[in-house]
């Protein structure tokens, strides 16, 4: 989903995830939670891939991914 700030993308994403049994990951929160703020992009993406490999649900919606 692409749109300007505060246009309802997150609200829509939450609704889609709820209706389709999909997980939602906010990339910015993922980076902060895992202490990757100072890491390079490759390290951040590899950490995300490792997290996705552990995900139980077959579909994942990623918000704020570069």
Protein backbone atom coordinates (compact mmCIF):
# COMPACT_ATOMS: atom_id res chain seq x y z
CA UNK A 1 0.00 0.00 0.00
CA UNK A 2 1.29 3.40 -0.92
CA UNK A 3 -0.11 6.68 0.31
CA UNK A 4 0.64 9.86 2.20
CA UNK A 5 1.15 9.97 5.96
CA UNK A 6 -2.01 9.59 8.06
CA UNK A 7 -4.07 8.37 5.11
CA UNK A 8 -5.14 5.12 6.83
CA UNK A 9 -2.60 2.63 5.48
CA UNK A 10 -1.95 1.07 8.90
CA UNK A 11 -5.66 0.90 9.71
CA UNK A 12 -6.32 -0.82 6.40
CA UNK A 13 -3.37 -3.16 6.91
CA UNK A 14 -4.69 -4.21 10.34
CA UNK A 15 -8.12 -4.92 8.85
CA UNK A 16 -6.63 -6.95 6.00
CA UNK A 17 -4.48 -8.95 8.41
CA UNK A 18 -7.43 -9.69 10.67
CA UNK A 19 -9.66 -10.83 7.81
CA UNK A 20 -7.01 -12.98 6.11
CA UNK A 21 -5.20 -14.45 9.15
CA UNK A 22 -2.07 -12.58 8.12
CA UNK A 23 0.69 -11.27 10.39
CA UNK A 24 1.78 -7.65 10.31
CA UNK A 25 5.32 -6.44 10.90
CA UNK A 26 6.17 -2.74 11.05
CA UNK A 27 9.74 -2.61 9.79
CA UNK A 28 10.67 0.49 11.82
CA UNK A 29 9.44 -1.11 15.04
CA UNK A 30 11.20 -4.36 14.14
CA UNK A 31 14.50 -2.50 13.71
CA UNK A 32 14.12 -0.67 17.04
CA UNK A 33 12.98 -3.77 18.96
CA UNK A 34 16.00 -5.74 17.72
CA UNK A 35 18.51 -2.94 18.36
CA UNK A 36 19.39 -2.55 14.69
CA UNK A 37 19.14 1.25 14.41
CA UNK A 38 22.87 1.61 13.71
CA UNK A 39 23.12 -1.48 11.49
CA UNK A 40 23.51 -1.31 7.72
CA UNK A 41 20.61 -2.21 5.43
CA UNK A 42 21.94 -5.67 4.65
CA UNK A 43 22.05 -6.59 8.35
CA UNK A 44 18.51 -5.29 8.87
CA UNK A 45 17.15 -7.27 5.92
CA UNK A 46 18.93 -10.46 6.98
CA UNK A 47 17.47 -10.11 10.48
CA UNK A 48 14.02 -9.66 8.94
CA UNK A 49 14.48 -12.76 6.76
CA UNK A 50 15.46 -14.78 9.84
CA UNK A 51 12.34 -13.53 11.66
CA UNK A 52 10.14 -14.38 8.69
CA UNK A 53 11.59 -17.91 8.59
CA UNK A 54 10.26 -18.40 12.15
CA UNK A 55 6.82 -17.00 11.31
CA UNK A 56 4.00 -19.50 11.69
CA UNK A 57 1.42 -17.75 9.51
CA UNK A 58 1.94 -18.24 5.77
CA UNK A 59 1.40 -14.57 4.83
CA UNK A 60 3.03 -11.50 6.31
CA UNK A 61 2.36 -7.83 5.58
CA UNK A 62 5.45 -5.64 6.11
CA UNK A 63 4.93 -1.94 6.72
CA UNK A 64 7.56 0.80 6.28
CA UNK A 65 9.99 -1.44 4.40
CA UNK A 66 12.52 0.64 2.47
